[in-house]
Protein backbone atom coordinates (compact mmCIF):
# COMPACT_ATOMS: atom_id res chain seq x y z
CA UNK A 1 9.11 -18.41 14.08
CA UNK A 2 9.69 -15.62 11.75
CA UNK A 3 13.13 -13.65 11.74
CA UNK A 4 13.04 -10.54 13.67
CA UNK A 5 12.03 -7.23 12.16
CA UNK A 6 15.19 -5.50 10.70
CA UNK A 7 16.33 -2.28 12.76
CA UNK A 8 16.60 0.69 10.47
CA UNK A 9 19.19 3.31 11.12
CA UNK A 10 17.78 6.93 10.58
CA UNK A 11 19.52 10.17 10.59
CA UNK A 12 17.69 13.32 11.60
CA UNK A 13 19.16 16.59 10.27
CA UNK A 14 17.38 19.30 12.19
CA UNK A 15 18.43 22.39 14.23
CA UNK A 16 15.27 22.64 16.14
CA UNK A 17 15.99 20.70 19.34
CA UNK A 18 12.19 20.19 20.25
CA UNK A 19 11.64 19.06 16.87
CA UNK A 20 14.42 16.65 16.62
CA UNK A 21 13.92 15.22 20.12
CA UNK A 22 10.14 14.67 19.30
CA UNK A 23 11.00 12.69 15.87
CA UNK A 24 13.73 10.96 17.61
CA UNK A 25 11.45 9.64 20.53
CA UNK A 26 8.76 8.76 17.86
CA UNK A 27 10.80 6.71 15.69
CA UNK A 28 12.74 4.93 18.49
CA UNK A 29 9.42 3.96 19.97
CA UNK A 30 8.87 2.11 16.62
CA UNK A 31 11.96 0.25 16.69
CA UNK A 32 14.30 2.77 14.76
CA UNK A 33 17.95 3.44 15.46
CA UNK A 34 18.00 7.25 15.29
CA UNK A 35 21.06 9.54 15.01
CA UNK A 36 20.78 13.32 15.26
CA UNK A 37 22.79 15.94 13.43
CA UNK A 38 21.96 19.78 14.31
CA UNK A 39 24.09 21.21 11.66
CA UNK A 40 24.81 20.37 7.75
CA UNK A 41 28.45 19.71 8.24
CA UNK A 42 27.88 17.23 11.10
CA UNK A 43 25.42 15.35 8.93
CA UNK A 44 27.78 15.02 5.87
CA UNK A 45 30.44 13.97 8.24
CA UNK A 46 28.31 11.09 9.70
CA UNK A 47 27.07 10.06 6.13
CA UNK A 48 30.61 9.95 4.64
CA UNK A 49 32.58 8.56 7.69
CA UNK A 50 31.43 4.79 7.25
CA UNK A 51 27.98 5.21 8.98
CA UNK A 52 25.21 3.42 7.22
CA UNK A 53 21.96 4.95 7.33
CA UNK A 54 18.77 3.65 5.55
CA UNK A 55 16.96 6.92 5.51
CA UNK A 56 17.56 10.67 6.16
CA UNK A 57 15.06 13.16 7.42
CA UNK A 58 16.57 16.54 6.33
CA UNK A 59 15.31 19.86 7.30
CA UNK A 60 15.77 22.50 4.61
CA UNK A 61 16.55 25.44 7.21
CA UNK A 62 19.98 24.78 8.78
CA UNK A 63 22.24 27.23 10.60
CA UNK A 64 25.37 26.69 8.46
CA UNK A 65 24.16 25.46 5.00
CA UNK A 66 20.93 24.68 3.48
CA UNK A 67 19.09 21.00 3.18
CA UNK A 68 19.39 21.40 -0.15
CA UNK A 69 23.14 22.04 -0.38
CA UNK A 70 23.48 18.92 2.01
CA UNK A 71 21.28 16.88 -0.58
CA UNK A 72 23.39 18.13 -3.63
CA UNK A 73 26.66 17.37 -1.69
CA UNK A 74 25.41 13.87 -0.69
CA UNK A 75 24.59 13.02 -4.47
CA UNK A 76 27.88 14.56 -5.72
CA UNK A 77 29.77 12.29 -3.56
CA UNK A 78 27.54 9.19 -4.58
CA UNK A 79 25.57 8.67 -1.49
CA UNK A 80 22.29 7.19 -2.39
CA UNK A 81 20.87 7.21 0.97
CA UNK A 82 16.88 7.89 0.65
CA UNK A 83 16.07 11.43 1.80
CA UNK A 84 12.84 12.66 3.13
CA UNK A 85 13.03 16.55 2.85
CA UNK A 86 11.29 18.53 5.90
CA UNK A 87 10.42 22.18 5.41
CA UNK A 88 8.21 25.18 6.50
CA UNK A 89 7.91 26.21 2.92
CA UNK A 90 5.45 24.58 0.54
CA UNK A 91 6.13 26.54 -2.58
CA UNK A 92 6.03 24.61 -5.90
CA UNK A 93 9.51 25.82 -6.65
CA UNK A 94 11.01 24.41 -3.58
CA UNK A 95 9.38 20.94 -4.12
CA UNK A 96 10.59 20.94 -7.59
CA UNK A 97 14.13 21.86 -6.42
CA UNK A 98 14.18 19.13 -3.74
CA UNK A 99 13.12 16.50 -6.28
CA UNK A 100 15.46 17.79 -8.79
CA UNK A 101 18.28 17.30 -6.45
CA UNK A 102 17.33 13.72 -5.66
CA UNK A 103 15.00 13.76 -2.79
CA UNK A 104 12.75 10.73 -2.29
CA UNK A 105 9.82 12.57 -0.69
CA UNK A 106 9.02 16.10 0.77
CA UNK A 107 6.72 17.06 3.78
CA UNK A 108 5.82 20.61 4.89
CA UNK A 109 5.81 21.56 8.53
CA UNK A 110 3.75 21.36 10.71
CA UNK A 111 3.41 17.65 10.00
CA UNK A 112 1.55 14.78 11.41
CA UNK A 113 4.36 12.16 12.96
CA UNK A 114 2.13 9.27 11.79
CA UNK A 115 2.20 10.86 8.19
CA UNK A 116 6.01 11.16 8.43
CA UNK A 117 6.16 7.50 9.52
CA UNK A 118 4.02 6.54 6.64
CA UNK A 119 6.15 8.25 4.11
CA UNK A 120 9.15 6.72 5.64
CA UNK A 121 7.54 3.40 5.45
CA UNK A 122 6.87 3.88 1.77
CA UNK A 123 10.41 5.02 1.14
CA UNK A 124 11.79 1.97 2.73
CA UNK A 125 9.60 -0.31 0.85
CA UNK A 126 10.89 1.24 -2.42
CA UNK A 127 14.49 0.95 -1.57
CA UNK A 128 15.20 -1.76 0.87
CA UNK A 129 15.61 -5.28 -0.47
CA UNK A 130 12.57 -7.49 0.32
CA UNK A 131 13.83 -9.11 3.43
CA UNK A 132 14.42 -5.68 5.06
CA UNK A 133 11.32 -4.02 3.92
CA UNK A 134 9.31 -2.53 6.99
CA UNK A 135 6.83 -4.64 8.93
CA UNK A 136 3.24 -3.70 8.13
CA UNK A 137 1.40 -6.72 8.93
CA UNK A 138 2.08 -8.91 11.97
CA UNK A 139 0.74 -12.13 13.20
CA UNK A 140 0.45 -13.43 16.63
CA UNK A 141 -1.33 -16.78 16.59
CA UNK A 142 -4.53 -16.31 14.68
CA UNK A 143 -4.43 -12.43 15.30
CA UNK A 144 -3.40 -10.18 12.39
CA UNK A 145 -2.23 -6.59 13.35
CA UNK A 146 -1.88 -3.98 10.78
CA UNK A 147 0.28 -1.40 12.06
CA UNK A 148 -0.16 0.86 9.17
CA UNK A 149 -3.92 1.01 9.41
CA UNK A 150 -4.00 0.45 13.48
CA UNK A 151 -6.56 -2.41 12.68
CA UNK A 152 -6.39 -6.02 14.10
CA UNK A 153 -8.57 -9.13 13.17
CA UNK A 154 -9.04 -12.69 14.10
CA UNK A 155 -10.48 -14.02 10.87
CA UNK A 156 -13.34 -11.72 10.05
CA UNK A 157 -13.77 -10.41 13.58
CA UNK A 158 -12.43 -7.06 14.35
CA UNK A 159 -10.37 -6.86 17.58
CA UNK A 160 -10.07 -3.29 18.90
CA UNK A 161 -7.01 -2.22 20.41
CA UNK A 162 -6.25 1.03 21.88
CA UNK A 163 -3.55 3.16 20.73
CA UNK A 164 -1.26 2.73 23.90
CA UNK A 165 -2.02 -0.96 23.74
CA UNK A 166 -0.57 -1.07 20.03
CA UNK A 167 2.22 0.94 21.33
CA UNK A 168 2.98 -1.53 23.95
CA UNK A 169 2.60 -4.46 21.56
CA UNK A 170 4.74 -2.91 18.98
CA UNK A 171 7.58 -2.40 21.67
CA UNK A 172 7.30 -5.91 22.76
CA UNK A 173 7.41 -7.20 19.13
CA UNK A 174 10.42 -5.16 18.46
CA UNK A 175 12.08 -6.42 21.46
CA UNK A 176 10.88 -10.09 20.96
CA UNK A 177 12.53 -12.72 22.86
CA UNK A 178 14.07 -10.19 25.31
CA UNK A 179 12.84 -9.54 28.86
CA UNK A 180 11.38 -6.13 28.92
CA UNK A 181 11.15 -4.46 32.31
CA UNK A 182 8.30 -2.21 33.48
CA UNK A 183 10.85 0.50 33.70
CA UNK A 184 11.69 0.26 30.33
CA UNK A 185 8.04 0.33 29.06
CA UNK A 186 7.47 3.46 31.26
CA UNK A 187 10.42 5.08 29.73
CA UNK A 188 10.08 4.38 26.14
CA UNK A 189 6.19 3.98 25.71
CA UNK A 190 4.80 6.35 28.48
CA UNK A 191 7.80 8.69 28.61
CA UNK A 192 7.87 8.53 32.38
CA UNK A 193 11.11 8.38 34.26
CA UNK A 194 11.50 7.58 37.83
CA UNK A 195 9.73 5.52 40.76
CA UNK A 196 6.05 5.47 39.96
CA UNK A 197 3.06 3.43 40.10
CA UNK A 198 3.47 0.56 37.41
CA UNK A 199 -0.01 -1.24 37.67
CA UNK A 200 -1.21 0.74 34.61
CA UNK A 201 1.58 -1.45 32.67
CA UNK A 202 -0.05 -4.73 34.28
CA UNK A 203 -3.47 -3.58 33.44
CA UNK A 204 -2.38 -2.77 29.65
CA UNK A 205 -0.83 -6.10 29.47
CA UNK A 206 -3.82 -7.83 30.79
CA UNK A 207 -6.01 -6.21 28.23
CA UNK A 208 -3.79 -7.23 25.50
CA UNK A 209 -3.63 -10.73 26.68
CA UNK A 210 -7.56 -10.94 26.55
CA UNK A 211 -7.34 -10.02 22.83
CA UNK A 212 -4.60 -12.47 21.73
CA UNK A 213 -4.15 -15.33 24.08
CA UNK A 214 -6.04 -18.56 23.68
CA UNK A 215 -5.82 -19.20 27.37
CA UNK A 216 -5.52 -16.47 29.97
CA UNK A 217 -4.57 -19.09 32.58
CA UNK A 218 -1.57 -20.20 30.64
CA UNK A 219 -0.36 -17.28 28.43
CA UNK A 220 1.36 -18.48 25.44
CA UNK A 221 2.52 -15.51 23.75
CA UNK A 222 3.28 -12.68 26.48
CA UNK A 223 5.24 -14.41 29.34
CA UNK A 224 5.54 -12.85 32.58
CA UNK A 225 9.18 -12.96 34.03
CA UNK A 226 8.58 -12.61 37.62
CA UNK A 227 10.28 -9.74 39.34
CA UNK A 228 11.64 -8.34 35.89
CA UNK A 229 8.89 -7.65 33.48
CA UNK A 230 7.56 -9.51 30.33
CA UNK A 231 8.79 -11.17 27.30
CA UNK A 232 7.04 -11.68 23.91
CA UNK A 233 7.61 -15.30 22.82
CA UNK A 234 5.16 -15.62 20.06
CA UNK A 235 5.35 -17.99 17.32
CA UNK A 236 4.86 -15.14 14.87
CA UNK A 237 4.95 -13.81 11.38
CA UNK A 238 5.82 -10.34 10.10
CA UNK A 239 5.07 -9.50 6.39
CA UNK A 240 4.62 -6.67 3.97
CA UNK A 241 1.98 -8.29 1.87
CA UNK A 242 -1.69 -6.88 1.85
CA UNK A 243 -3.84 -7.99 4.77
CA UNK A 244 -6.05 -10.83 4.68
CA UNK A 245 -9.23 -10.07 2.64
CA UNK A 246 -12.19 -10.07 4.98
C-alpha cells in the first residue's frame, strides 16, 4: 500500500471573513490543514514563530499593512514560504510588483476556487520535494482517478463520477485507514450540521462502489463499519506522474 498523502499546512491571510471561510472550507475538504490570519501583523507572527507553512494565500488589501509589505518583510526575514497573492486589482504594475517582491503566483478576485487550487498544486509541485508533491493521480485497484481533471478510467474505459462522488472519494482517501462517520461526511463534504437524514450518504457510497468494487457482495475497498460509518482500505497508489495513455 502506498504511503498516505502528505498534509499541507496553508496560511490564508485575508481580512474578508466570508472569503477566508470559503477558502478554508474548500481547502480543508481537499485535505489541507488551514490557518487563518485576518491581519498582516498576525500573519507575520505566525510565520516567524516556529509555524511551518507549505504555502501562503496572501491578500493585498489588509487593514493594517498591505500584502506586498507582508511579502517584502517575509523575504527580508529569510522566509521562503511560497506565496500566492490574491487581489482585486489586475493592473500590470501590481503584477510586476508582486513578482518583484518574491511572489510565486498571482490571481485576481473574483476567482474560481478550482483555479486557486490548481495554482496552489502547481506551486507545491515546484517547491515540495518529490515525496511531498501533491496527489494528482490516484489508483484504487484498476481504476485511475485524476483529481486535477476530474476524470477516471479503468483501462481505456471512462468512468463517470459526479462531482459529489469525487468529493466523497477524495475525503475517504485523505482519511484512509480511519473510520469516517456519516456525521463527518455531512459536516465536511455536504456542510450540513445536525440530526438529518443520512441515506443520501449511503446512496453515494453505493454508487461509488459500483464504479470501483470488483464484487459488490464483498466490497474490497470501501468497508462498512456497522453503526459508525465507512473506511477506505484500498491497496492503492497515489502519484504525480502523468495519467496512463489511452
